[in-house]
């Protein structure tokens, strides 16, 4: 599918100056209430790219070799980086939850993907969350004390946390892991979105896609 309209391009990709104008029109400011400067925006975009490189929100356009940001990335800047109501992590999680919901509706996905489908031992959880065993045990105690002891059971002398318990730990203790899972699933949906013929990064250089192709190529068949 080929798109040539300049209006269409402008609806999907924004230059840094157009992003500043949009943020100003929305009355979005810095944390301390200042008007967002070009330097503020560059810093925000650098953080965005570092945190969510796989999303490919920043790219260069073939014709003029200038950097643009996908509108999805601009929404992230407005709803996550420059918002003031929540912690950045919480806002980030909410953003990806909402994007996933929108993609699922657009793609008519009837059965949503299960992010947690197996039980794990404490040792396996330590590897899964990249935390030491003491941190996992503390998190499990928190889970039990908050009313969910039934997510924990014993098998062959080992503590086992079922899939519902792992979900609880992700959403309530190890939210960085939850965000990682959400981003991964969002990108699976993005590949399906592109395969269906919807525009995403049509004008960008595909360098970042080469890194993801092996992971998501089964979605492109």
Protein backbone atom coordinates (compact mmCIF):
# COMPACT_ATOMS: atom_id res chain seq x y z
CA UNK A 1 0.00 0.00 0.00
CA UNK A 2 1.48 3.34 -1.10
CA UNK A 3 0.69 6.72 0.41
CA UNK A 4 1.77 9.94 -1.34
CA UNK A 5 -0.39 12.65 0.16
CA UNK A 6 1.46 15.29 2.16
CA UNK A 7 -1.61 15.63 4.36
CA UNK A 8 -1.50 11.90 4.99
CA UNK A 9 2.20 12.15 5.87
CA UNK A 10 1.54 15.02 8.27
CA UNK A 11 -1.18 12.99 9.98
CA UNK A 12 1.29 10.22 10.84
CA UNK A 13 4.68 11.89 11.30
CA UNK A 14 5.54 15.14 13.02
CA UNK A 15 8.69 17.22 12.87
CA UNK A 16 10.11 18.49 16.15
CA UNK A 17 8.77 22.00 15.48
CA UNK A 18 5.27 20.68 14.77
CA UNK A 19 5.39 18.63 17.97
CA UNK A 20 6.20 21.78 19.94
CA UNK A 21 3.26 23.56 18.35
CA UNK A 22 0.93 20.66 19.14
CA UNK A 23 2.05 20.46 22.77
CA UNK A 24 1.62 24.21 23.13
CA UNK A 25 -1.89 24.02 21.64
CA UNK A 26 -2.75 21.33 24.19
CA UNK A 27 -1.41 23.53 27.02
CA UNK A 28 1.14 20.86 27.92
CA UNK A 29 4.12 22.23 29.81
CA UNK A 30 7.20 20.97 31.62
CA UNK A 31 6.92 19.62 35.16
CA UNK A 32 7.64 23.08 36.55
CA UNK A 33 5.06 24.78 34.34
CA UNK A 34 7.38 26.23 31.69
CA UNK A 35 6.61 26.21 27.98
CA UNK A 36 8.37 23.21 26.46
CA UNK A 37 11.52 24.28 24.63
CA UNK A 38 13.26 22.59 21.73
CA UNK A 39 15.93 21.39 24.15
CA UNK A 40 13.27 19.96 26.50
CA UNK A 41 11.73 18.10 23.57
CA UNK A 42 15.04 16.65 22.40
CA UNK A 43 15.75 15.38 25.91
CA UNK A 44 12.26 13.85 26.11
CA UNK A 45 12.66 12.14 22.73
CA UNK A 46 16.05 10.74 23.71
CA UNK A 47 14.50 9.21 26.83
CA UNK A 48 11.55 7.91 24.80
CA UNK A 49 13.85 6.17 22.31
CA UNK A 50 15.99 4.71 25.08
CA UNK A 51 12.98 3.35 26.97
CA UNK A 52 11.02 2.09 23.96
CA UNK A 53 13.47 1.52 21.13
CA UNK A 54 11.51 -1.40 19.67
CA UNK A 55 8.50 0.82 18.97
CA UNK A 56 10.41 2.67 16.25
CA UNK A 57 8.72 6.00 17.03
CA UNK A 58 11.69 8.05 15.82
CA UNK A 59 12.98 7.71 12.30
CA UNK A 60 14.48 9.44 9.31
CA UNK A 61 12.47 10.03 6.17
CA UNK A 62 13.97 8.89 2.88
CA UNK A 63 13.42 12.09 0.90
CA UNK A 64 14.93 14.71 3.18
CA UNK A 65 16.87 12.56 5.68
CA UNK A 66 15.32 14.49 8.57
CA UNK A 67 14.08 13.04 11.86
CA UNK A 68 10.36 12.74 12.51
CA UNK A 69 8.31 11.22 15.28
CA UNK A 70 5.35 8.92 14.69
CA UNK A 71 2.09 10.26 16.09
CA UNK A 72 2.02 7.29 18.46
CA UNK A 73 5.31 8.54 19.87
CA UNK A 74 3.95 12.07 20.13
CA UNK A 75 1.02 10.69 22.13
CA UNK A 76 3.54 8.99 24.43
CA UNK A 77 5.32 12.30 24.98
CA UNK A 78 2.04 14.01 25.87
CA UNK A 79 0.48 11.23 27.94
CA UNK A 80 3.57 9.86 29.66
CA UNK A 81 6.64 12.07 29.67
CA UNK A 82 5.05 15.51 30.09
CA UNK A 83 1.99 14.51 32.13
CA UNK A 84 1.93 15.48 35.80
CA UNK A 85 -0.84 13.39 37.39
CA UNK A 86 0.92 10.03 37.81
CA UNK A 87 4.37 8.55 38.19
CA UNK A 88 6.05 8.08 34.83
CA UNK A 89 6.03 4.30 35.25
CA UNK A 90 2.31 4.19 35.99
CA UNK A 91 1.55 6.50 33.07
CA UNK A 92 3.75 4.35 30.82
CA UNK A 93 1.90 1.17 31.81
CA UNK A 94 -1.47 2.85 31.25
CA UNK A 95 -0.36 4.12 27.85
CA UNK A 96 0.58 0.65 26.60
CA UNK A 97 -2.55 -0.92 28.09
CA UNK A 98 -4.63 1.61 26.16
CA UNK A 99 -2.67 1.20 22.93
CA UNK A 100 -3.07 -2.57 23.12
CA UNK A 101 -6.80 -2.19 23.63
CA UNK A 102 -7.03 0.10 20.59
CA UNK A 103 -5.04 -2.27 18.39
CA UNK A 104 -7.12 -5.25 19.49
CA UNK A 105 -10.34 -3.43 18.61
CA UNK A 106 -9.02 -2.25 15.26
CA UNK A 107 -7.75 -5.71 14.34
CA UNK A 108 -10.93 -7.40 15.62
CA UNK A 109 -8.94 -9.67 17.93
CA UNK A 110 -11.52 -11.78 19.72
CA UNK A 111 -9.25 -13.75 22.03
CA UNK A 112 -6.75 -11.61 23.88
CA UNK A 113 -3.27 -12.92 24.48
CA UNK A 114 -2.49 -14.36 27.90
CA UNK A 115 0.72 -12.82 29.20
CA UNK A 116 1.02 -15.31 32.06
CA UNK A 117 0.33 -18.97 31.36
CA UNK A 118 2.41 -21.05 33.77
CA UNK A 119 3.45 -21.41 37.40
CA UNK A 120 6.99 -20.72 38.63
CA UNK A 121 9.19 -21.52 41.59
CA UNK A 122 10.85 -18.76 43.60
CA UNK A 123 14.12 -19.42 41.79
CA UNK A 124 12.42 -19.17 38.40
CA UNK A 125 10.75 -15.94 39.47
CA UNK A 126 14.11 -14.48 40.44
CA UNK A 127 15.33 -15.13 36.89
CA UNK A 128 12.06 -13.91 35.35
CA UNK A 129 12.09 -10.61 37.22
CA UNK A 130 15.89 -10.21 37.35
CA UNK A 131 15.75 -9.86 41.13
CA UNK A 132 17.46 -11.73 43.94
CA UNK A 133 15.56 -14.43 45.78
CA UNK A 134 15.12 -12.29 48.91
CA UNK A 135 13.29 -9.66 46.84
CA UNK A 136 11.01 -12.33 45.40
CA UNK A 137 10.21 -13.75 48.82
CA UNK A 138 9.42 -10.27 50.12
CA UNK A 139 7.10 -9.67 47.16
CA UNK A 140 5.35 -13.00 47.72
CA UNK A 141 4.80 -12.13 51.39
CA UNK A 142 3.29 -8.82 50.29
CA UNK A 143 0.99 -10.63 47.88
CA UNK A 144 -0.19 -13.01 50.60
CA UNK A 145 -0.65 -10.26 53.18
CA UNK A 146 -2.82 -8.28 50.77
CA UNK A 147 -5.30 -11.14 50.45
CA UNK A 148 -3.92 -13.50 47.82
CA UNK A 149 -2.32 -16.44 49.68
CA UNK A 150 -4.14 -18.85 47.35
CA UNK A 151 -1.80 -17.88 44.51
CA UNK A 152 0.95 -19.65 46.45
CA UNK A 153 1.20 -23.38 47.06
CA UNK A 154 3.78 -26.08 47.70
CA UNK A 155 4.94 -28.85 45.41
CA UNK A 156 7.73 -31.30 46.21
CA UNK A 157 8.85 -29.05 49.05
CA UNK A 158 9.10 -25.98 46.82
CA UNK A 159 7.06 -22.78 46.87
CA UNK A 160 5.11 -22.43 43.63
CA UNK A 161 3.39 -19.24 42.46
CA UNK A 162 0.64 -19.80 39.91
CA UNK A 163 0.04 -17.67 36.81
CA UNK A 164 -2.47 -15.42 38.61
CA UNK A 165 0.15 -14.76 41.28
CA UNK A 166 2.76 -13.88 38.68
CA UNK A 167 0.29 -11.48 37.09
CA UNK A 168 -0.31 -9.88 40.51
CA UNK A 169 3.43 -9.54 41.13
CA UNK A 170 3.91 -7.93 37.71
CA UNK A 171 1.11 -5.42 38.15
CA UNK A 172 1.70 -4.56 41.80
CA UNK A 173 5.40 -5.02 42.56
CA UNK A 174 7.55 -5.50 39.46
CA UNK A 175 5.86 -3.07 37.11
CA UNK A 176 8.94 -2.64 34.94
CA UNK A 177 8.54 -6.28 33.95
CA UNK A 178 4.86 -5.70 33.26
CA UNK A 179 5.74 -2.74 31.04
CA UNK A 180 8.25 -4.90 29.17
CA UNK A 181 5.58 -7.54 28.52
CA UNK A 182 3.08 -4.92 27.39
CA UNK A 183 5.54 -3.37 24.95
CA UNK A 184 6.40 -6.76 23.52
CA UNK A 185 2.72 -7.59 22.98
CA UNK A 186 2.02 -4.14 21.58
CA UNK A 187 4.74 -4.70 18.97
CA UNK A 188 3.24 -8.06 18.01
CA UNK A 189 -0.01 -6.21 17.37
CA UNK A 190 1.85 -3.51 15.45
CA UNK A 191 3.26 -6.12 13.07
CA UNK A 192 -0.24 -7.52 12.53
CA UNK A 193 -1.46 -3.96 11.97
CA UNK A 194 1.19 -3.40 9.31
CA UNK A 195 0.49 -6.76 7.70
CA UNK A 196 -3.17 -5.79 7.43
CA UNK A 197 -2.08 -2.82 5.32
CA UNK A 198 -2.40 -0.04 7.86
CA UNK A 199 0.31 2.66 7.80
CA UNK A 200 2.82 2.82 10.60
CA UNK A 201 6.40 3.64 9.66
CA UNK A 202 6.10 3.58 5.87
CA UNK A 203 8.44 6.50 5.29
CA UNK A 204 11.10 5.58 7.83
CA UNK A 205 14.35 3.79 7.15
CA UNK A 206 13.81 0.15 8.21
CA UNK A 207 17.07 -0.27 10.14
CA UNK A 208 15.36 -0.95 13.47
CA UNK A 209 13.07 -3.50 11.81
CA UNK A 210 16.02 -5.71 10.97
CA UNK A 211 16.57 -6.24 14.69
CA UNK A 212 12.95 -7.28 15.20
CA UNK A 213 12.35 -9.31 12.06
CA UNK A 214 13.52 -12.62 13.50
CA UNK A 215 11.33 -12.19 16.56
CA UNK A 216 8.15 -11.27 14.71
CA UNK A 217 8.62 -12.78 11.25
CA UNK A 218 6.01 -15.47 11.96
CA UNK A 219 3.44 -12.65 12.02
CA UNK A 220 4.37 -11.55 8.51
CA UNK A 221 3.70 -14.89 6.79
